[in-house]
C-alpha cells in the first residue's frame, strides 16, 4: 500500500501489536468498547457513523456489529479480535472485497488457566472453605476443616479433554504438569486418544473445550453424565450449549457425578434461584476465562502482524476470506 490508512480501533489493543499498528497507519483512533461505563456496543448503523466521522478506512473491532452500512464504506480491511469473528458479516465483506482478519487462539492460555482453577476449586472445596473462614465457621457444625474438606489429589488421576483445539491443548499440558494422565476426544484430531464414551467412563475430570456446532450442541446429556464415574468432576470453560443443563443438575443431585465447574451459561447469565447456584459442589464464574490483559496483547499482535503481511502484499495466516485477494 502506498497510502497509509487511518484506523478506528474499538477493541482493546495494547503492547507491541499497538506499536505495529501505529507504524502501519497515518493515525490510530483507539476507543475500546470495554473501557466505557456504561458498556458501549455499537450497532452497525452507529459504527458506520463513527467510521465516517473519523474518516477511517481500517477498522479493528472485538464486539461491535460489522455488517450492512459498515461494509458499504471504503474499508481496506477489517480486524476482528476474536477467534471466531461472529460479529462480522463475512459473506458481506467478501462480496465487497474487504479482507477480514481474526485472532485464533488469543485466549487459549487464559481459558486453560481458569479451567485449572475451576477444577482445583471444585475438588478442594476452596470456595466453601473461604466462606467458612469469612463467616467465622471454621468449626462448622462441630467439625474441623480437615474433616469437611478432604479430597483426592489430582496427581495420578485421569483428565479427559473433549476438543483438542488451542484451548484444549493448552489445558492438556497444564494438567500433565500437575501429574495427571491426559486422554482426549476429538473426531477431527488424529492424535486424540479415545472415543467419547470411553473417555467419559475413564476420566476423573472431564473438561470441555469443543466449539459449538450442530454436531456438538448438547453433546453431554443424560446418557453421557451416566457414563461418568460417581467421583468425576465436570468442567466446562467453553460454552454451556455443549451440555444439557437440566441433565447436569440431575446428575449432580443424584450423585452420578461429584461436582462441576462452569464458566458459561446460556444467555450469559444464571438466575440466582437456579438449582446450580445452591449447590456447594459447583463453582460458577461469569464467562471470564479469556479476561486477561495477555489475551488483549495476543489478539493485538495477531491482528497487527496480519495487517502488516496483508499491506505488504502477502497472505496472512489469519485471513478469514483469502478469496478477496487477487
C-alpha atoms as a PDB file:
ATOM      1  CA  UNK A   1       0.000   0.000   0.000  1.00  0.00           C
ATOM      2  CA  UNK A   2       1.245   3.475  -0.858  1.00  0.00           C
ATOM      3  CA  UNK A   3      -1.228   5.431   1.300  1.00  0.00           C
ATOM      4  CA  UNK A   4      -1.293   4.561   4.962  1.00  0.00           C
ATOM      5  CA  UNK A   5      -4.851   4.115   6.267  1.00  0.00           C
ATOM      6  CA  UNK A   6      -6.405   5.757   9.281  1.00  0.00           C
ATOM      7  CA  UNK A   7      -7.596   3.156  11.774  1.00  0.00           C
ATOM      8  CA  UNK A   8     -10.578   3.179  14.102  1.00  0.00           C
ATOM      9  CA  UNK A   9      -9.982   0.618  16.845  1.00  0.00           C
ATOM     10  CA  UNK A  10     -12.947  -0.136  19.099  1.00  0.00           C
ATOM     11  CA  UNK A  11     -11.285  -3.245  20.540  1.00  0.00           C
ATOM     12  CA  UNK A  12      -8.864  -3.217  23.479  1.00  0.00           C
ATOM     13  CA  UNK A  13      -5.454  -3.019  21.808  1.00  0.00           C
ATOM     14  CA  UNK A  14      -2.109  -2.960  23.591  1.00  0.00           C
ATOM     15  CA  UNK A  15       1.531  -3.977  23.592  1.00  0.00           C
ATOM     16  CA  UNK A  16       3.757  -4.462  20.566  1.00  0.00           C
ATOM     17  CA  UNK A  17       0.689  -5.040  18.399  1.00  0.00           C
ATOM     18  CA  UNK A  18      -0.430  -1.469  19.016  1.00  0.00           C
ATOM     19  CA  UNK A  19       3.043  -0.217  18.124  1.00  0.00           C
ATOM     20  CA  UNK A  20       2.966  -2.224  14.892  1.00  0.00           C
ATOM     21  CA  UNK A  21      -0.484  -0.890  14.011  1.00  0.00           C
ATOM     22  CA  UNK A  22       0.634   2.676  14.628  1.00  0.00           C
ATOM     23  CA  UNK A  23       3.579   2.150  12.287  1.00  0.00           C
ATOM     24  CA  UNK A  24       1.219   0.920   9.557  1.00  0.00           C
ATOM     25  CA  UNK A  25      -1.283   3.764   9.832  1.00  0.00           C
ATOM     26  CA  UNK A  26      -1.337   7.510   9.392  1.00  0.00           C
ATOM     27  CA  UNK A  27      -3.359   7.690  12.617  1.00  0.00           C
ATOM     28  CA  UNK A  28      -4.939   5.279  15.095  1.00  0.00           C
ATOM     29  CA  UNK A  29      -8.088   6.279  16.974  1.00  0.00           C
ATOM     30  CA  UNK A  30      -8.202   3.930  19.960  1.00  0.00           C
ATOM     31  CA  UNK A  31     -11.544   3.835  21.761  1.00  0.00           C
ATOM     32  CA  UNK A  32     -12.107   0.360  23.270  1.00  0.00           C
ATOM     33  CA  UNK A  33     -15.705  -0.625  23.918  1.00  0.00           C
ATOM     34  CA  UNK A  34     -14.777  -2.337  27.167  1.00  0.00           C
ATOM     35  CA  UNK A  35     -13.464   0.872  28.778  1.00  0.00           C
ATOM     36  CA  UNK A  36     -16.891   2.544  28.692  1.00  0.00           C
ATOM     37  CA  UNK A  37     -19.218   2.771  31.716  1.00  0.00           C
ATOM     38  CA  UNK A  38     -21.994   2.025  30.991  1.00  0.00           C
ATOM     39  CA  UNK A  39     -20.850  -0.506  28.445  1.00  0.00           C
ATOM     40  CA  UNK A  40     -20.896   0.673  24.852  1.00  0.00           C
ATOM     41  CA  UNK A  41     -21.567  -1.673  21.966  1.00  0.00           C
ATOM     42  CA  UNK A  42     -22.135  -0.200  18.508  1.00  0.00           C
ATOM     43  CA  UNK A  43     -24.892  -1.425  16.256  1.00  0.00           C
ATOM     44  CA  UNK A  44     -23.898  -1.474  12.597  1.00  0.00           C
ATOM     45  CA  UNK A  45     -25.545   1.892  11.892  1.00  0.00           C
ATOM     46  CA  UNK A  46     -23.808   3.540  14.847  1.00  0.00           C
ATOM     47  CA  UNK A  47     -20.454   2.052  13.905  1.00  0.00           C
ATOM     48  CA  UNK A  48     -20.783   3.234  10.313  1.00  0.00           C
ATOM     49  CA  UNK A  49     -21.475   6.777  11.549  1.00  0.00           C
ATOM     50  CA  UNK A  50     -18.405   6.664  13.801  1.00  0.00           C
ATOM     51  CA  UNK A  51     -16.169   5.401  10.987  1.00  0.00           C
ATOM     52  CA  UNK A  52     -17.332   8.175   8.684  1.00  0.00           C
ATOM     53  CA  UNK A  53     -16.914  10.804  11.397  1.00  0.00           C
ATOM     54  CA  UNK A  54     -13.323   9.682  11.991  1.00  0.00           C
ATOM     55  CA  UNK A  55     -12.523   9.383   8.284  1.00  0.00           C
ATOM     56  CA  UNK A  56     -11.200   5.870   8.937  1.00  0.00           C
ATOM     57  CA  UNK A  57     -10.526   3.279   6.247  1.00  0.00           C
ATOM     58  CA  UNK A  58      -9.275   0.496   8.517  1.00  0.00           C
ATOM     59  CA  UNK A  59     -11.484  -0.995  11.233  1.00  0.00           C
ATOM     60  CA  UNK A  60     -10.480  -3.151  14.213  1.00  0.00           C
ATOM     61  CA  UNK A  61     -13.279  -4.418  16.453  1.00  0.00           C
ATOM     62  CA  UNK A  62     -13.973  -7.051  19.065  1.00  0.00           C
ATOM     63  CA  UNK A  63     -17.686  -6.953  19.865  1.00  0.00           C
ATOM     64  CA  UNK A  64     -19.293  -4.266  17.703  1.00  0.00           C
ATOM     65  CA  UNK A  65     -21.586  -5.360  14.868  1.00  0.00           C
ATOM     66  CA  UNK A  66     -19.949  -5.208  11.446  1.00  0.00           C
ATOM     67  CA  UNK A  67     -22.468  -5.608   8.663  1.00  0.00           C
ATOM     68  CA  UNK A  68     -24.702  -3.662   6.274  1.00  0.00           C
ATOM     69  CA  UNK A  69     -23.799   0.056   6.313  1.00  0.00           C
ATOM     70  CA  UNK A  70     -20.330  -0.623   7.721  1.00  0.00           C
ATOM     71  CA  UNK A  71     -19.477  -2.807   4.742  1.00  0.00           C
ATOM     72  CA  UNK A  72     -20.728  -0.152   2.330  1.00  0.00           C
ATOM     73  CA  UNK A  73     -17.826   2.075   3.399  1.00  0.00           C
ATOM     74  CA  UNK A  74     -14.459   2.058   1.551  1.00  0.00           C
ATOM     75  CA  UNK A  75     -12.588  -0.094   4.089  1.00  0.00           C
ATOM     76  CA  UNK A  76      -9.220  -1.562   3.170  1.00  0.00           C
ATOM     77  CA  UNK A  77      -9.508  -4.268   5.847  1.00  0.00           C
ATOM     78  CA  UNK A  78     -11.336  -5.347   8.997  1.00  0.00           C
ATOM     79  CA  UNK A  79      -9.693  -6.929  12.012  1.00  0.00           C
ATOM     80  CA  UNK A  80     -11.907  -8.891  14.415  1.00  0.00           C
ATOM     81  CA  UNK A  81     -10.102  -9.583  17.691  1.00  0.00           C
ATOM     82  CA  UNK A  82     -11.880 -12.885  18.175  1.00  0.00           C
ATOM     83  CA  UNK A  83     -11.011 -16.480  17.459  1.00  0.00           C
ATOM     84  CA  UNK A  84     -14.290 -16.816  15.567  1.00  0.00           C
ATOM     85  CA  UNK A  85     -15.309 -13.455  14.051  1.00  0.00           C
ATOM     86  CA  UNK A  86     -19.034 -13.968  14.589  1.00  0.00           C
ATOM     87  CA  UNK A  87     -19.599 -10.221  14.913  1.00  0.00           C
ATOM     88  CA  UNK A  88     -18.628  -9.684  11.255  1.00  0.00           C
ATOM     89  CA  UNK A  89     -20.767 -10.475   8.207  1.00  0.00           C
ATOM     90  CA  UNK A  90     -18.047 -12.465   6.423  1.00  0.00           C
ATOM     91  CA  UNK A  91     -20.024 -13.175   3.220  1.00  0.00           C
ATOM     92  CA  UNK A  92     -20.934  -9.490   3.008  1.00  0.00           C
ATOM     93  CA  UNK A  93     -17.327  -8.397   3.469  1.00  0.00           C
ATOM     94  CA  UNK A  94     -16.147 -10.948   0.922  1.00  0.00           C
ATOM     95  CA  UNK A  95     -18.727  -9.792  -1.614  1.00  0.00           C
ATOM     96  CA  UNK A  96     -17.351  -6.264  -1.277  1.00  0.00           C
ATOM     97  CA  UNK A  97     -13.724  -7.428  -1.481  1.00  0.00           C
ATOM     98  CA  UNK A  98     -12.845  -6.447   2.108  1.00  0.00           C
ATOM     99  CA  UNK A  99     -10.244  -8.691   3.803  1.00  0.00           C
ATOM    100  CA  UNK A 100     -11.213  -9.822   7.321  1.00  0.00           C
ATOM    101  CA  UNK A 101      -8.636 -10.987   9.855  1.00  0.00           C
ATOM    102  CA  UNK A 102      -9.237 -12.885  13.086  1.00  0.00           C
ATOM    103  CA  UNK A 103      -7.242 -13.749  16.230  1.00  0.00           C
ATOM    104  CA  UNK A 104      -7.170 -17.546  16.637  1.00  0.00           C
ATOM    105  CA  UNK A 105      -6.012 -18.876  19.997  1.00  0.00           C
ATOM    106  CA  UNK A 106      -5.833 -15.409  21.542  1.00  0.00           C
ATOM    107  CA  UNK A 107      -7.307 -16.533  24.863  1.00  0.00           C
ATOM    108  CA  UNK A 108      -6.104 -20.151  24.958  1.00  0.00           C
ATOM    109  CA  UNK A 109      -3.758 -19.706  27.915  1.00  0.00           C
ATOM    110  CA  UNK A 110      -6.205 -17.597  29.908  1.00  0.00           C
ATOM    111  CA  UNK A 111      -9.070 -20.073  29.479  1.00  0.00           C
ATOM    112  CA  UNK A 112      -6.758 -23.001  30.227  1.00  0.00           C
ATOM    113  CA  UNK A 113      -5.628 -21.356  33.464  1.00  0.00           C
ATOM    114  CA  UNK A 114      -9.218 -20.743  34.557  1.00  0.00           C
ATOM    115  CA  UNK A 115     -10.024 -24.365  33.738  1.00  0.00           C
ATOM    116  CA  UNK A 116      -7.323 -25.483  36.163  1.00  0.00           C
ATOM    117  CA  UNK A 117      -8.638 -23.046  38.748  1.00  0.00           C
ATOM    118  CA  UNK A 118     -12.188 -24.371  38.432  1.00  0.00           C
ATOM    119  CA  UNK A 119     -11.002 -27.953  38.740  1.00  0.00           C
ATOM    120  CA  UNK A 120      -8.997 -27.273  41.884  1.00  0.00           C
ATOM    121  CA  UNK A 121     -11.724 -25.101  43.410  1.00  0.00           C
ATOM    122  CA  UNK A 122     -14.335 -27.809  42.937  1.00  0.00           C
ATOM    123  CA  UNK A 123     -12.108 -30.660  44.060  1.00  0.00           C
ATOM    124  CA  UNK A 124     -10.699 -28.981  47.169  1.00  0.00           C
ATOM    125  CA  UNK A 125     -13.839 -27.053  48.157  1.00  0.00           C
ATOM    126  CA  UNK A 126     -11.925 -23.772  48.038  1.00  0.00           C
ATOM    127  CA  UNK A 127     -14.992 -21.529  47.710  1.00  0.00           C
ATOM    128  CA  UNK A 128     -16.766 -23.234  50.617  1.00  0.00           C
ATOM    129  CA  UNK A 129     -13.626 -23.109  52.742  1.00  0.00           C
ATOM    130  CA  UNK A 130     -13.212 -19.397  52.073  1.00  0.00           C
ATOM    131  CA  UNK A 131     -16.831 -18.823  53.094  1.00  0.00           C
ATOM    132  CA  UNK A 132     -16.345 -20.733  56.339  1.00  0.00           C
ATOM    133  CA  UNK A 133     -13.409 -18.526  57.293  1.00  0.00           C
ATOM    134  CA  UNK A 134     -15.240 -15.299  56.407  1.00  0.00           C
ATOM    135  CA  UNK A 135     -18.338 -16.355  58.345  1.00  0.00           C
ATOM    136  CA  UNK A 136     -16.404 -17.456  61.431  1.00  0.00           C
ATOM    137  CA  UNK A 137     -17.464 -21.045  60.853  1.00  0.00           C
ATOM    138  CA  UNK A 138     -14.094 -22.816  60.791  1.00  0.00           C
ATOM    139  CA  UNK A 139     -15.608 -25.371  63.196  1.00  0.00           C
ATOM    140  CA  UNK A 140     -18.933 -25.540  61.387  1.00  0.00           C
ATOM    141  CA  UNK A 141     -21.460 -27.972  62.895  1.00  0.00           C
ATOM    142  CA  UNK A 142     -18.930 -29.254  65.411  1.00  0.00           C
ATOM    143  CA  UNK A 143     -16.450 -30.459  62.800  1.00  0.00           C
ATOM    144  CA  UNK A 144     -12.926 -29.435  61.900  1.00  0.00           C
ATOM    145  CA  UNK A 145     -11.959 -28.323  58.365  1.00  0.00           C
ATOM    146  CA  UNK A 146      -9.776 -31.394  57.919  1.00  0.00           C
ATOM    147  CA  UNK A 147     -12.946 -33.472  58.145  1.00  0.00           C
ATOM    148  CA  UNK A 148     -15.082 -31.426  55.769  1.00  0.00           C
ATOM    149  CA  UNK A 149     -12.545 -30.720  53.053  1.00  0.00           C
ATOM    150  CA  UNK A 150     -10.768 -33.995  52.461  1.00  0.00           C
ATOM    151  CA  UNK A 151     -10.433 -34.718  48.734  1.00  0.00           C
ATOM    152  CA  UNK A 152      -8.433 -36.790  46.313  1.00  0.00           C
ATOM    153  CA  UNK A 153      -5.266 -35.319  44.840  1.00  0.00           C
ATOM    154  CA  UNK A 154      -5.307 -34.607  41.130  1.00  0.00           C
ATOM    155  CA  UNK A 155      -1.800 -36.047  40.733  1.00  0.00           C
ATOM    156  CA  UNK A 156      -2.128 -39.576  39.443  1.00  0.00           C
ATOM    157  CA  UNK A 157      -5.714 -39.116  38.287  1.00  0.00           C
ATOM    158  CA  UNK A 158      -7.005 -39.098  34.692  1.00  0.00           C
ATOM    159  CA  UNK A 159      -8.264 -35.978  32.918  1.00  0.00           C
ATOM    160  CA  UNK A 160     -10.333 -36.214  29.748  1.00  0.00           C
ATOM    161  CA  UNK A 161     -10.122 -33.356  27.257  1.00  0.00           C
ATOM    162  CA  UNK A 162     -13.092 -33.002  24.882  1.00  0.00           C
ATOM    163  CA  UNK A 163     -11.889 -30.891  21.953  1.00  0.00           C
ATOM    164  CA  UNK A 164      -8.221 -30.546  21.012  1.00  0.00           C
ATOM    165  CA  UNK A 165      -8.190 -27.003  19.708  1.00  0.00           C
ATOM    166  CA  UNK A 166      -5.923 -24.278  21.034  1.00  0.00           C
ATOM    167  CA  UNK A 167      -7.585 -24.191  24.467  1.00  0.00           C
ATOM    168  CA  UNK A 168      -7.813 -27.959  24.798  1.00  0.00           C
ATOM    169  CA  UNK A 169      -4.106 -28.354  24.068  1.00  0.00           C
ATOM    170  CA  UNK A 170      -3.161 -25.500  26.387  1.00  0.00           C
ATOM    171  CA  UNK A 171      -5.173 -27.185  29.129  1.00  0.00           C
ATOM    172  CA  UNK A 172      -3.720 -30.632  28.446  1.00  0.00           C
ATOM    173  CA  UNK A 173      -0.087 -29.744  29.150  1.00  0.00           C
ATOM    174  CA  UNK A 174      -1.076 -27.901  32.312  1.00  0.00           C
ATOM    175  CA  UNK A 175      -2.928 -30.955  33.560  1.00  0.00           C
ATOM    176  CA  UNK A 176       0.066 -33.121  32.735  1.00  0.00           C
ATOM    177  CA  UNK A 177       2.212 -30.685  34.719  1.00  0.00           C
ATOM    178  CA  UNK A 178       0.015 -31.385  37.734  1.00  0.00           C
ATOM    179  CA  UNK A 179       0.836 -35.054  37.399  1.00  0.00           C
ATOM    180  CA  UNK A 180      -2.373 -36.096  35.689  1.00  0.00           C
ATOM    181  CA  UNK A 181      -2.731 -38.610  32.905  1.00  0.00           C
ATOM    182  CA  UNK A 182      -4.468 -36.871  29.992  1.00  0.00           C
ATOM    183  CA  UNK A 183      -6.720 -38.581  27.456  1.00  0.00           C
ATOM    184  CA  UNK A 184      -8.683 -36.846  24.701  1.00  0.00           C
ATOM    185  CA  UNK A 185     -11.635 -36.997  22.338  1.00  0.00           C
ATOM    186  CA  UNK A 186     -11.801 -35.029  19.098  1.00  0.00           C
ATOM    187  CA  UNK A 187     -13.070 -36.658  15.885  1.00  0.00           C
ATOM    188  CA  UNK A 188     -11.152 -34.088  13.825  1.00  0.00           C
ATOM    189  CA  UNK A 189      -7.794 -34.528  15.533  1.00  0.00           C
ATOM    190  CA  UNK A 190      -5.657 -37.544  14.559  1.00  0.00           C
ATOM    191  CA  UNK A 191      -3.794 -37.504  17.873  1.00  0.00           C
ATOM    192  CA  UNK A 192      -6.927 -37.797  20.027  1.00  0.00           C
ATOM    193  CA  UNK A 193      -6.730 -40.961  22.094  1.00  0.00           C
ATOM    194  CA  UNK A 194     -10.280 -42.075  22.926  1.00  0.00           C
ATOM    195  CA  UNK A 195     -13.872 -42.279  21.790  1.00  0.00           C
ATOM    196  CA  UNK A 196     -16.222 -40.040  23.756  1.00  0.00           C
ATOM    197  CA  UNK A 197     -17.881 -42.956  25.555  1.00  0.00           C
ATOM    198  CA  UNK A 198     -14.557 -44.447  26.595  1.00  0.00           C
ATOM    199  CA  UNK A 199     -13.227 -41.082  27.764  1.00  0.00           C
ATOM    200  CA  UNK A 200     -16.286 -40.428  29.915  1.00  0.00           C
ATOM    201  CA  UNK A 201     -16.027 -43.820  31.577  1.00  0.00           C
ATOM    202  CA  UNK A 202     -12.310 -43.485  32.293  1.00  0.00           C
ATOM    203  CA  UNK A 203     -11.785 -39.839  33.280  1.00  0.00           C
ATOM    204  CA  UNK A 204     -11.787 -38.455  36.819  1.00  0.00           C
ATOM    205  CA  UNK A 205     -12.100 -34.969  35.350  1.00  0.00           C
ATOM    206  CA  UNK A 206     -13.972 -34.232  32.107  1.00  0.00           C
ATOM    207  CA  UNK A 207     -13.031 -30.850  30.635  1.00  0.00           C
ATOM    208  CA  UNK A 208     -14.962 -29.382  27.702  1.00  0.00           C
ATOM    209  CA  UNK A 209     -13.115 -27.426  25.004  1.00  0.00           C
ATOM    210  CA  UNK A 210     -15.079 -28.072  21.812  1.00  0.00           C
ATOM    211  CA  UNK A 211     -16.605 -25.388  19.631  1.00  0.00           C
ATOM    212  CA  UNK A 212     -20.390 -25.224  19.489  1.00  0.00           C
ATOM    213  CA  UNK A 213     -21.597 -26.652  16.185  1.00  0.00           C
ATOM    214  CA  UNK A 214     -24.715 -28.602  15.165  1.00  0.00           C
ATOM    215  CA  UNK A 215     -22.673 -31.736  15.937  1.00  0.00           C
ATOM    216  CA  UNK A 216     -21.579 -30.679  19.427  1.00  0.00           C
ATOM    217  CA  UNK A 217     -24.620 -28.825  20.752  1.00  0.00           C
ATOM    218  CA  UNK A 218     -25.948 -30.897  23.653  1.00  0.00           C
ATOM    219  CA  UNK A 219     -23.016 -33.280  23.311  1.00  0.00           C
ATOM    220  CA  UNK A 220     -23.094 -34.081  27.036  1.00  0.00           C
ATOM    221  CA  UNK A 221     -26.544 -35.111  28.205  1.00  0.00           C
ATOM    222  CA  UNK A 222     -28.240 -37.604  30.480  1.00  0.00           C
ATOM    223  CA  UNK A 223     -26.625 -40.681  28.931  1.00  0.00           C
ATOM    224  CA  UNK A 224     -23.166 -39.112  28.939  1.00  0.00           C
ATOM    225  CA  UNK A 225     -23.351 -38.000  32.591  1.00  0.00           C
ATOM    226  CA  UNK A 226     -24.482 -41.530  33.494  1.00  0.00           C
ATOM    227  CA  UNK A 227     -21.316 -42.937  31.903  1.00  0.00           C
ATOM    228  CA  UNK A 228     -19.059 -40.854  34.130  1.00  0.00           C
ATOM    229  CA  UNK A 229     -17.600 -42.047  37.407  1.00  0.00           C
ATOM    230  CA  UNK A 230     -19.525 -41.098  40.527  1.00  0.00           C
ATOM    231  CA  UNK A 231     -16.432 -39.243  41.787  1.00  0.00           C
ATOM    232  CA  UNK A 232     -15.885 -37.440  38.465  1.00  0.00           C
ATOM    233  CA  UNK A 233     -15.768 -33.659  38.143  1.00  0.00           C
ATOM    234  CA  UNK A 234     -17.248 -31.979  35.068  1.00  0.00           C
ATOM    235  CA  UNK A 235     -15.621 -28.728  33.892  1.00  0.00           C
ATOM    236  CA  UNK A 236     -16.947 -26.528  31.104  1.00  0.00           C
ATOM    237  CA  UNK A 237     -14.948 -23.360  30.435  1.00  0.00           C
ATOM    238  CA  UNK A 238     -16.132 -23.299  26.811  1.00  0.00           C
ATOM    239  CA  UNK A 239     -19.860 -22.903  26.117  1.00  0.00           C
ATOM    240  CA  UNK A 240     -22.955 -24.002  28.022  1.00  0.00           C
ATOM    241  CA  UNK A 241     -24.607 -25.265  24.841  1.00  0.00           C
ATOM    242  CA  UNK A 242     -22.192 -28.192  24.876  1.00  0.00           C
ATOM    243  CA  UNK A 243     -24.202 -29.785  27.682  1.00  0.00           C
ATOM    244  CA  UNK A 244     -27.802 -30.248  28.744  1.00  0.00           C
ATOM    245  CA  UNK A 245     -28.029 -28.116  31.884  1.00  0.00           C
ATOM    246  CA  UNK A 246     -31.077 -29.945  33.241  1.00  0.00           C
ATOM    247  CA  UNK A 247     -29.242 -33.247  32.843  1.00  0.00           C
ATOM    248  CA  UNK A 248     -26.225 -31.756  34.640  1.00  0.00           C
ATOM    249  CA  UNK A 249     -28.387 -30.653  37.568  1.00  0.00           C
ATOM    250  CA  UNK A 250     -29.939 -34.119  37.767  1.00  0.00           C
ATOM    251  CA  UNK A 251     -26.541 -35.821  37.693  1.00  0.00           C
ATOM    252  CA  UNK A 252     -25.256 -33.610  40.500  1.00  0.00           C
ATOM    253  CA  UNK A 253     -28.366 -34.109  42.619  1.00  0.00           C
ATOM    254  CA  UNK A 254     -28.319 -37.880  42.206  1.00  0.00           C
ATOM    255  CA  UNK A 255     -24.610 -38.236  42.876  1.00  0.00           C
ATOM    256  CA  UNK A 256     -23.916 -39.567  39.385  1.00  0.00           C
ATOM    257  CA  UNK A 257     -21.027 -37.084  39.335  1.00  0.00           C
ATOM    258  CA  UNK A 258     -19.249 -35.410  42.231  1.00  0.00           C
ATOM    259  CA  UNK A 259     -19.083 -31.772  41.154  1.00  0.00           C
ATOM    260  CA  UNK A 260     -18.899 -29.225  38.371  1.00  0.00           C
ATOM    261  CA  UNK A 261     -17.130 -26.003  37.435  1.00  0.00           C
ATOM    262  CA  UNK A 262     -18.752 -23.762  34.837  1.00  0.00           C
ATOM    263  CA  UNK A 263     -17.636 -20.515  33.202  1.00  0.00           C
ATOM    264  CA  UNK A 264     -20.529 -20.006  30.804  1.00  0.00           C
ATOM    265  CA  UNK A 265     -24.320 -20.026  30.827  1.00  0.00           C
ATOM    266  CA  UNK A 266     -26.895 -19.759  28.065  1.00  0.00           C
ATOM    267  CA  UNK A 267     -27.724 -16.088  27.687  1.00  0.00           C
ATOM    268  CA  UNK A 268     -24.543 -15.160  29.620  1.00  0.00           C
ATOM    269  CA  UNK A 269     -26.488 -15.262  32.869  1.00  0.00           C
ATOM    270  CA  UNK A 270     -27.707 -17.705  35.514  1.00  0.00           C
ATOM    271  CA  UNK A 271     -30.697 -16.671  37.644  1.00  0.00           C
ATOM    272  CA  UNK A 272     -29.909 -16.605  41.399  1.00  0.00           C
ATOM    273  CA  UNK A 273     -32.690 -19.134  42.036  1.00  0.00           C
ATOM    274  CA  UNK A 274     -31.246 -21.643  39.540  1.00  0.00           C
ATOM    275  CA  UNK A 275     -30.520 -25.028  41.198  1.00  0.00           C
ATOM    276  CA  UNK A 276     -26.813 -24.798  40.337  1.00  0.00           C
ATOM    277  CA  UNK A 277     -26.483 -21.675  42.492  1.00  0.00           C
ATOM    278  CA  UNK A 278     -27.423 -23.562  45.655  1.00  0.00           C
ATOM    279  CA  UNK A 279     -25.053 -26.496  45.137  1.00  0.00           C
ATOM    280  CA  UNK A 280     -21.906 -26.479  47.281  1.00  0.00           C
ATOM    281  CA  UNK A 281     -20.156 -28.899  44.892  1.00  0.00           C
ATOM    282  CA  UNK A 282     -20.446 -26.452  41.987  1.00  0.00           C
ATOM    283  CA  UNK A 283     -18.200 -23.451  41.257  1.00  0.00           C
ATOM    284  CA  UNK A 284     -19.577 -20.796  38.901  1.00  0.00           C
ATOM    285  CA  UNK A 285     -17.764 -17.966  37.127  1.00  0.00           C
ATOM    286  CA  UNK A 286     -19.373 -15.481  34.667  1.00  0.00           C
ATOM    287  CA  UNK A 287     -17.504 -16.162  31.394  1.00  0.00           C
ATOM    288  CA  UNK A 288     -14.145 -14.725  32.487  1.00  0.00           C
ATOM    289  CA  UNK A 289     -11.793 -17.357  31.063  1.00  0.00           C
ATOM    290  CA  UNK A 290     -10.294 -15.061  28.447  1.00  0.00           C
ATOM    291  CA  UNK A 291     -10.423 -11.912  30.587  1.00  0.00           C
ATOM    292  CA  UNK A 292      -6.687 -11.298  30.855  1.00  0.00           C
ATOM    293  CA  UNK A 293      -4.514  -8.410  29.749  1.00  0.00           C
ATOM    294  CA  UNK A 294      -2.422 -11.010  27.938  1.00  0.00           C
ATOM    295  CA  UNK A 295      -5.381 -12.004  25.759  1.00  0.00           C
ATOM    296  CA  UNK A 296      -5.527  -8.401  24.571  1.00  0.00           C
ATOM    297  CA  UNK A 297      -1.778  -8.331  23.901  1.00  0.00           C
ATOM    298  CA  UNK A 298      -2.052 -11.536  21.873  1.00  0.00           C
ATOM    299  CA  UNK A 299      -5.007 -10.511  19.764  1.00  0.00           C
ATOM    300  CA  UNK A 300      -3.394  -7.131  19.123  1.00  0.00           C
ATOM    301  CA  UNK A 301      -0.224  -8.823  17.889  1.00  0.00           C
ATOM    302  CA  UNK A 302      -2.129 -11.301  15.715  1.00  0.00           C
ATOM    303  CA  UNK A 303      -4.244  -8.621  14.043  1.00  0.00           C
ATOM    304  CA  UNK A 304      -1.395  -6.125  13.579  1.00  0.00           C
ATOM    305  CA  UNK A 305       1.030  -8.700  12.175  1.00  0.00           C
ATOM    306  CA  UNK A 306      -1.673  -9.977   9.853  1.00  0.00           C
ATOM    307  CA  UNK A 307      -2.354  -6.463   8.612  1.00  0.00           C
ATOM    308  CA  UNK A 308       1.339  -5.885   8.010  1.00  0.00           C
ATOM    309  CA  UNK A 309       1.542  -9.040   5.914  1.00  0.00           C
ATOM    310  CA  UNK A 310      -1.574  -8.009   4.017  1.00  0.00           C
ATOM    311  CA  UNK A 311      -0.319  -4.495   3.307  1.00  0.00           C
ATOM    312  CA  UNK A 312       2.998  -5.901   2.103  1.00  0.00           C
ATOM    313  CA  UNK A 313       1.180  -7.972  -0.483  1.00  0.00           C
ATOM    314  CA  UNK A 314       1.220 -11.289   1.366  1.00  0.00           C
ATOM    315  CA  UNK A 315      -1.462 -13.715   2.517  1.00  0.00           C
ATOM    316  CA  UNK A 316      -1.868 -13.640   6.316  1.00  0.00           C
ATOM    317  CA  UNK A 317      -2.438 -16.984   8.013  1.00  0.00           C
ATOM    318  CA  UNK A 318      -5.302 -15.434   9.988  1.00  0.00           C
ATOM    319  CA  UNK A 319      -7.152 -14.081   6.924  1.00  0.00           C
ATOM    320  CA  UNK A 320     -10.720 -15.388   7.059  1.00  0.00           C
ATOM    321  CA  UNK A 321     -11.591 -14.768   3.415  1.00  0.00           C
ATOM    322  CA  UNK A 322      -8.457 -15.236   1.261  1.00  0.00           C
ATOM    323  CA  UNK A 323     -10.617 -15.307  -1.854  1.00  0.00           C
ATOM    324  CA  UNK A 324     -10.723 -11.495  -1.761  1.00  0.00           C
ATOM    325  CA  UNK A 325      -7.025 -11.391  -2.704  1.00  0.00           C
ATOM    326  CA  UNK A 326      -6.331 -11.235  -6.397  1.00  0.00           C
END
